Amino acid sequence: MIPYATIEEASLALGRNLTTLECLWFDYSAAKSDYYLYCHNILFLFLIFSLVPLPLVFVELARSASGWFDRYKIQPKVKNSFSDMFRCYRDVMKMFILVVGPLQLVSYPSIQMIEIRSGLPLPSFGEIAAQLVVYFLVEDYTNYWVHRFFHSKWGYEKIHHIHHEYTAPIGYAAPYAHWAEVLLLGVPTFLGPAIAPGHMITFWLWIALRQIEAIETHSGYDFPWTLTKFIPFYGGAEYHDYHHYVGGQSQSNFASVFTYCDYIYGTDKGYRFQKKLLQQIKQESKKSNMQNGGDKLD
């Protein structure tokens, strides 16, 4: 809660006029408790996992009708009906209600402990960007090792096999998992803010962006216009789709966001071999088509 009664009082305490964004933040949050602000994450998660995958639902339905989007589907032989996708969404929402929501409600003391602030001044855009980079790197590295554990014999059979029910993932399946997996993967997500605590707005952005990234990674589509293709070492949908395609036997592509851990620890060799093989097949096929075309012209 902001310890100032008015914007004028806040300006006097900061020794300057509040920015437009700070005034908006003051108007919204001044009378609200930090706990109430923290609980916004429940609403954000519900909205993100309800709305962000929705365009992919229309793409999948359009693909089933016309086949035009087959060129972007990573596993084009797999088709999902509306009822299939709605069933996945329903199960994910059930997980939110029974596990994620209650966890959010009781985990506020951890936010107090690491001192995530909600007052003024607001962080600069540079500070927010720097902290988000740290959060992504920390989460990616720790998630890699948790994910590798889930692909041990015990971890897969007892927990992780549920997430791999979708051998061709869809956007709604990003958080589709055993409740224990959801809880354990919350640790890597929280480590970044614990190491470099910032403002509540930064924390909101981190939670939102990480979930949007997970949806994009599980989309099942490799769109050429995806902006994430310009992020260095970013894995993306094609990279993670291979992991689901191989399934329970997969010892490849464990990374959640970036690819450097898989490269350093040698857990992307199968993926790189298959990708190289497919490129060779495409090149040979293209060369053969050109030669056949040339023979016809002769």
Protein backbone atom coordinates (compact mmCIF):
# COMPACT_ATOMS: atom_id res chain seq x y z
CA MET A 1 0.00 0.00 0.00
CA ILE A 2 1.31 3.47 -0.89
CA PRO A 3 1.97 5.41 2.34
CA TYR A 4 0.76 8.74 0.94
CA ALA A 5 -2.75 10.19 1.13
CA THR A 6 -2.54 12.32 -2.01
CA ILE A 7 -0.51 12.69 -5.19
CA GLU A 8 0.78 16.01 -3.88
CA GLU A 9 2.07 14.31 -0.73
CA ALA A 10 3.75 11.62 -2.84
CA SER A 11 5.36 14.25 -5.08
CA LEU A 12 6.67 16.09 -2.05
CA ALA A 13 8.16 12.87 -0.62
CA LEU A 14 9.86 12.02 -3.93
CA GLY A 15 11.06 15.58 -4.49
CA ARG A 16 9.56 15.74 -7.99
CA ASN A 17 6.28 15.56 -9.84
CA LEU A 18 4.90 12.09 -10.47
CA THR A 19 4.98 10.81 -14.03
CA THR A 20 1.72 10.05 -15.82
CA LEU A 21 2.19 6.32 -15.18
CA GLU A 22 2.94 6.95 -11.51
CA CYS A 23 -0.23 9.02 -11.18
CA LEU A 24 -2.25 6.20 -12.76
CA TRP A 25 -0.61 3.69 -10.44
CA PHE A 26 -1.34 5.90 -7.43
CA ASP A 27 -4.99 6.27 -8.41
CA TYR A 28 -5.37 2.51 -8.81
CA SER A 29 -3.28 1.09 -5.96
CA ALA A 30 -3.11 3.71 -3.20
CA ALA A 31 -6.11 2.35 -1.31
CA LYS A 32 -5.43 -1.33 -2.05
CA SER A 33 -3.41 -3.70 0.10
CA ASP A 34 -0.28 -5.40 -1.23
CA TYR A 35 -2.01 -8.75 -0.75
CA TYR A 36 -4.89 -7.65 -2.97
CA LEU A 37 -2.43 -6.49 -5.65
CA TYR A 38 -0.52 -9.76 -5.47
CA CYS A 39 -3.73 -11.74 -5.95
CA HIS A 40 -4.15 -10.05 -9.34
CA ASN A 41 -1.94 -12.87 -10.62
CA ILE A 42 -4.87 -15.26 -10.31
CA LEU A 43 -6.95 -13.08 -12.63
CA PHE A 44 -4.03 -12.59 -15.04
CA LEU A 45 -3.42 -16.34 -15.28
CA PHE A 46 -7.09 -17.04 -15.90
CA LEU A 47 -7.30 -14.39 -18.65
CA ILE A 48 -4.00 -15.39 -20.28
CA PHE A 49 -4.81 -19.08 -20.49
CA SER A 50 -8.37 -18.35 -21.62
CA LEU A 51 -7.65 -15.76 -24.31
CA VAL A 52 -4.08 -16.11 -25.61
CA PRO A 53 -4.53 -19.66 -27.04
CA LEU A 54 -7.90 -18.73 -28.56
CA PRO A 55 -6.51 -17.63 -31.98
CA LEU A 56 -4.79 -21.02 -32.19
CA VAL A 57 -8.18 -22.69 -31.74
CA PHE A 58 -9.53 -20.81 -34.78
CA VAL A 59 -6.39 -21.67 -36.75
CA GLU A 60 -6.79 -25.37 -35.89
CA LEU A 61 -10.48 -25.34 -36.86
CA ALA A 62 -9.70 -23.49 -40.10
CA ARG A 63 -6.96 -26.01 -40.86
CA SER A 64 -9.40 -28.87 -40.42
CA ALA A 65 -11.83 -27.14 -42.78
CA SER A 66 -9.50 -26.01 -45.57
CA GLY A 67 -6.00 -27.28 -44.86
CA TRP A 68 -4.48 -23.87 -45.61
CA PHE A 69 -2.61 -23.71 -42.27
CA ASP A 70 -1.10 -27.17 -42.77
CA ARG A 71 2.07 -25.49 -44.06
CA TYR A 72 2.67 -24.04 -40.58
CA LYS A 73 1.56 -27.04 -38.50
CA ILE A 74 4.62 -28.85 -37.15
CA GLN A 75 2.82 -32.21 -37.01
CA PRO A 76 0.26 -31.78 -39.83
CA LYS A 77 -1.13 -35.32 -39.56
CA VAL A 78 -2.54 -34.49 -36.11
CA LYS A 79 -5.88 -32.68 -36.03
CA ASN A 80 -7.71 -31.49 -32.92
CA SER A 81 -11.47 -31.03 -32.77
CA PHE A 82 -13.13 -28.24 -30.83
CA SER A 83 -14.23 -30.74 -28.18
CA ASP A 84 -10.63 -31.97 -27.78
CA MET A 85 -9.34 -28.43 -27.22
CA PHE A 86 -12.21 -27.49 -24.92
CA ARG A 87 -11.58 -30.62 -22.83
CA CYS A 88 -7.95 -29.55 -22.39
CA TYR A 89 -9.03 -26.01 -21.44
CA ARG A 90 -11.53 -27.38 -18.93
CA ASP A 91 -8.91 -29.58 -17.28
CA VAL A 92 -6.44 -26.67 -17.08
CA MET A 93 -9.04 -24.41 -15.50
CA LYS A 94 -9.83 -27.14 -12.99
CA MET A 95 -6.13 -27.19 -12.10
CA PHE A 96 -6.17 -23.42 -11.61
CA ILE A 97 -9.18 -23.58 -9.32
CA LEU A 98 -7.95 -26.50 -7.22
CA VAL A 99 -4.16 -25.91 -7.16
CA VAL A 100 -2.84 -22.66 -8.64
CA GLY A 101 -5.47 -20.33 -7.16
CA PRO A 102 -5.16 -21.61 -3.58
CA LEU A 103 -1.37 -21.59 -3.90
CA GLN A 104 -1.47 -17.93 -4.91
CA LEU A 105 -3.70 -17.10 -1.97
CA VAL A 106 -1.39 -18.66 0.62
CA SER A 107 2.01 -17.79 -0.91
CA TYR A 108 1.90 -14.06 -0.18
CA PRO A 109 4.31 -14.33 2.81
CA SER A 110 7.04 -15.33 0.35
CA ILE A 111 6.45 -12.09 -1.54
CA GLN A 112 6.78 -10.17 1.70
CA MET A 113 9.93 -12.09 2.59
CA ILE A 114 11.79 -11.17 -0.62
CA GLU A 115 10.40 -7.62 -0.39
CA ILE A 116 8.69 -7.13 -3.72
CA ARG A 117 7.47 -3.55 -3.43
CA SER A 118 4.30 -1.93 -4.69
CA GLY A 119 4.88 1.73 -3.87
CA LEU A 120 6.50 4.70 -5.56
CA PRO A 121 8.62 5.45 -7.50
CA LEU A 122 7.84 3.08 -10.34
CA PRO A 123 10.82 1.27 -11.88
CA SER A 124 12.23 2.60 -15.15
CA PHE A 125 11.69 0.65 -18.37
CA GLY A 126 15.38 -0.22 -18.35
CA GLU A 127 15.15 -1.63 -14.83
CA ILE A 128 12.08 -3.68 -15.73
CA ALA A 129 13.76 -5.05 -18.88
CA ALA A 130 16.97 -5.96 -17.02
CA GLN A 131 15.09 -7.77 -14.27
CA LEU A 132 12.92 -9.65 -16.76
CA VAL A 133 16.07 -10.87 -18.56
CA VAL A 134 17.44 -12.12 -15.22
CA TYR A 135 14.14 -13.83 -14.42
CA PHE A 136 14.03 -15.61 -17.77
CA LEU A 137 17.65 -16.78 -17.52
CA VAL A 138 17.30 -18.03 -13.93
CA GLU A 139 14.01 -19.77 -14.63
CA ASP A 140 15.30 -21.33 -17.84
CA TYR A 141 18.39 -22.81 -16.20
CA THR A 142 16.63 -24.22 -13.12
CA ASN A 143 13.64 -25.40 -15.15
CA TYR A 144 16.03 -27.35 -17.37
CA TRP A 145 17.20 -29.50 -14.46
CA VAL A 146 13.72 -29.97 -13.00
CA HIS A 147 12.53 -31.03 -16.46
CA ARG A 148 15.40 -33.52 -16.77
CA PHE A 149 14.37 -34.99 -13.43
CA PHE A 150 10.82 -35.40 -14.75
CA HIS A 151 12.25 -37.55 -17.55
CA SER A 152 13.89 -39.97 -15.16
CA LYS A 153 12.03 -43.28 -14.94
CA TRP A 154 10.37 -42.41 -11.62
CA GLY A 155 9.66 -38.77 -12.49
CA TYR A 156 8.05 -39.61 -15.81
CA GLU A 157 5.96 -42.56 -14.64
CA LYS A 158 4.70 -40.86 -11.47
CA ILE A 159 4.31 -37.24 -12.61
CA HIS A 160 5.39 -36.03 -16.04
CA HIS A 161 3.58 -38.54 -18.25
CA ILE A 162 0.38 -36.50 -17.91
CA HIS A 163 1.91 -33.50 -19.68
CA HIS A 164 3.07 -35.81 -22.48
CA GLU A 165 -0.42 -37.06 -23.21
CA TYR A 166 -0.25 -34.40 -25.95
CA THR A 167 2.40 -35.76 -28.32
CA ALA A 168 1.47 -32.89 -30.62
CA PRO A 169 1.01 -30.01 -28.15
CA ILE A 170 -1.62 -27.28 -28.37
CA GLY A 171 -1.66 -23.87 -26.70
CA TYR A 172 -4.07 -24.87 -23.96
CA ALA A 173 -1.82 -27.82 -23.04
CA ALA A 174 1.05 -25.58 -21.84
CA PRO A 175 0.02 -25.94 -18.14
CA TYR A 176 -1.68 -29.31 -18.62
CA ALA A 177 0.18 -31.39 -16.05
CA HIS A 178 0.12 -33.30 -12.77
CA TRP A 179 -0.52 -31.06 -9.76
CA ALA A 180 2.91 -31.96 -8.35
CA GLU A 181 4.58 -30.80 -11.57
CA VAL A 182 2.71 -27.49 -11.41
CA LEU A 183 3.94 -26.95 -7.85
CA LEU A 184 7.55 -27.99 -8.53
CA LEU A 185 7.85 -25.83 -11.65
CA GLY A 186 6.64 -22.88 -9.59
CA VAL A 187 10.02 -22.91 -7.83
CA PRO A 188 12.09 -21.95 -10.93
CA THR A 189 9.48 -19.30 -11.75
CA PHE A 190 9.85 -17.74 -8.30
CA LEU A 191 13.67 -17.93 -8.07
CA GLY A 192 14.35 -14.95 -10.37
CA PRO A 193 12.19 -12.50 -8.39
CA ALA A 194 13.73 -13.91 -5.19
CA ILE A 195 17.26 -13.21 -6.44
CA ALA A 196 16.50 -9.80 -7.95
CA PRO A 197 13.27 -8.54 -6.31
CA GLY A 198 11.61 -5.61 -8.01
CA HIS A 199 8.27 -3.90 -8.24
CA MET A 200 4.89 -5.63 -8.25
CA ILE A 201 4.35 -4.44 -11.83
CA THR A 202 7.57 -6.20 -12.89
CA PHE A 203 6.36 -9.33 -11.11
CA TRP A 204 3.03 -9.14 -12.94
CA LEU A 205 4.82 -8.75 -16.29
CA TRP A 206 7.11 -11.66 -15.53
CA ILE A 207 4.25 -14.03 -14.71
CA ALA A 208 2.30 -12.91 -17.79
CA LEU A 209 5.22 -13.10 -20.25
CA ARG A 210 6.39 -16.48 -18.98
CA GLN A 211 2.92 -17.97 -19.46
CA ILE A 212 2.51 -16.40 -22.91
CA GLU A 213 5.90 -17.85 -23.87
CA ALA A 214 4.79 -21.29 -22.67
CA ILE A 215 1.63 -21.06 -24.79
CA GLU A 216 3.63 -20.03 -27.86
CA THR A 217 6.09 -22.89 -27.29
CA HIS A 218 3.21 -25.39 -27.09
CA SER A 219 1.25 -23.88 -29.97
CA GLY A 220 2.10 -26.67 -32.43
CA TYR A 221 2.65 -24.09 -35.17
CA ASP A 222 5.85 -22.63 -36.58
CA PHE A 223 4.73 -19.29 -37.99
CA PRO A 224 7.45 -17.42 -39.95
CA TRP A 225 6.24 -14.05 -38.66
CA THR A 226 6.67 -14.93 -34.96
CA LEU A 227 8.67 -12.14 -33.31
CA THR A 228 10.37 -14.59 -30.93
CA LYS A 229 12.42 -15.85 -33.90
CA PHE A 230 14.56 -12.73 -33.46
CA ILE A 231 15.48 -13.60 -29.84
CA PRO A 232 18.97 -15.16 -29.61
CA PHE A 233 19.03 -18.83 -28.49
CA TYR A 234 15.22 -18.91 -28.26
CA GLY A 235 13.77 -22.40 -28.71
CA GLY A 236 10.19 -21.82 -29.76
CA ALA A 237 7.41 -24.11 -30.92
CA GLU A 238 9.38 -26.26 -33.35
CA TYR A 239 12.09 -26.92 -30.77
CA HIS A 240 9.71 -27.99 -28.01
CA ASP A 241 7.39 -29.84 -30.37
CA TYR A 242 10.20 -32.32 -31.05
CA HIS A 243 10.39 -33.03 -27.32
CA HIS A 244 6.68 -33.90 -27.23
CA TYR A 245 6.88 -35.89 -30.47
CA VAL A 246 9.55 -38.20 -29.05
CA GLY A 247 7.54 -38.47 -25.83
CA GLY A 248 8.49 -40.38 -22.71
CA GLN A 249 11.74 -41.69 -24.21
CA SER A 250 12.85 -38.14 -24.96
CA GLN A 251 16.22 -37.15 -23.57
CA SER A 252 16.35 -34.08 -25.77
CA ASN A 253 15.23 -30.44 -25.75
CA PHE A 254 14.54 -30.02 -22.04
CA ALA A 255 14.90 -26.23 -22.11
CA SER A 256 11.81 -24.19 -21.37
CA VAL A 257 12.81 -20.99 -23.19
CA PHE A 258 16.36 -20.92 -24.57
CA THR A 259 18.53 -23.61 -26.19
CA TYR A 260 21.95 -23.03 -24.63
CA CYS A 261 21.54 -25.55 -21.78
CA ASP A 262 20.63 -28.34 -24.19
CA TYR A 263 23.63 -27.43 -26.35
CA ILE A 264 26.09 -27.21 -23.43
CA TYR A 265 24.96 -30.48 -21.83
CA GLY A 266 24.49 -32.32 -25.13
CA THR A 267 20.76 -32.92 -24.80
CA ASP A 268 19.84 -31.59 -28.23
CA LYS A 269 21.83 -34.06 -30.35
CA GLY A 270 18.79 -36.06 -31.43
CA TYR A 271 16.95 -32.91 -32.46
CA ARG A 272 19.92 -31.52 -34.38
CA PHE A 273 20.48 -34.85 -36.14
CA GLN A 274 16.84 -35.10 -37.19
CA LYS A 275 16.76 -31.48 -38.36
CA LYS A 276 19.92 -31.98 -40.42
CA LEU A 277 18.46 -35.17 -41.92
CA LEU A 278 15.20 -33.44 -42.87
CA GLN A 279 17.11 -30.59 -44.51
CA GLN A 280 19.11 -33.09 -46.58
CA ILE A 281 15.92 -34.86 -47.66
CA LYS A 282 14.34 -31.54 -48.67
CA GLN A 283 17.41 -30.51 -50.63
CA GLU A 284 17.58 -33.85 -52.44
CA SER A 285 13.87 -33.70 -53.20
CA LYS A 286 14.23 -30.15 -54.54
CA LYS A 287 17.23 -31.16 -56.67
CA SER A 288 15.33 -34.18 -58.01
CA ASN A 289 12.30 -32.04 -58.93
CA MET A 290 14.54 -29.56 -60.75
CA GLN A 291 16.25 -32.35 -62.68
CA ASN A 292 12.92 -33.93 -63.65
CA GLY A 293 11.68 -30.56 -64.80
CA GLY A 294 14.81 -30.10 -66.87
CA ASP A 295 14.40 -33.55 -68.48
CA LYS A 296 10.84 -32.67 -69.49
CA LEU A 297 12.01 -29.45 -71.10
CA ASP A 298 14.61 -31.37 -73.11
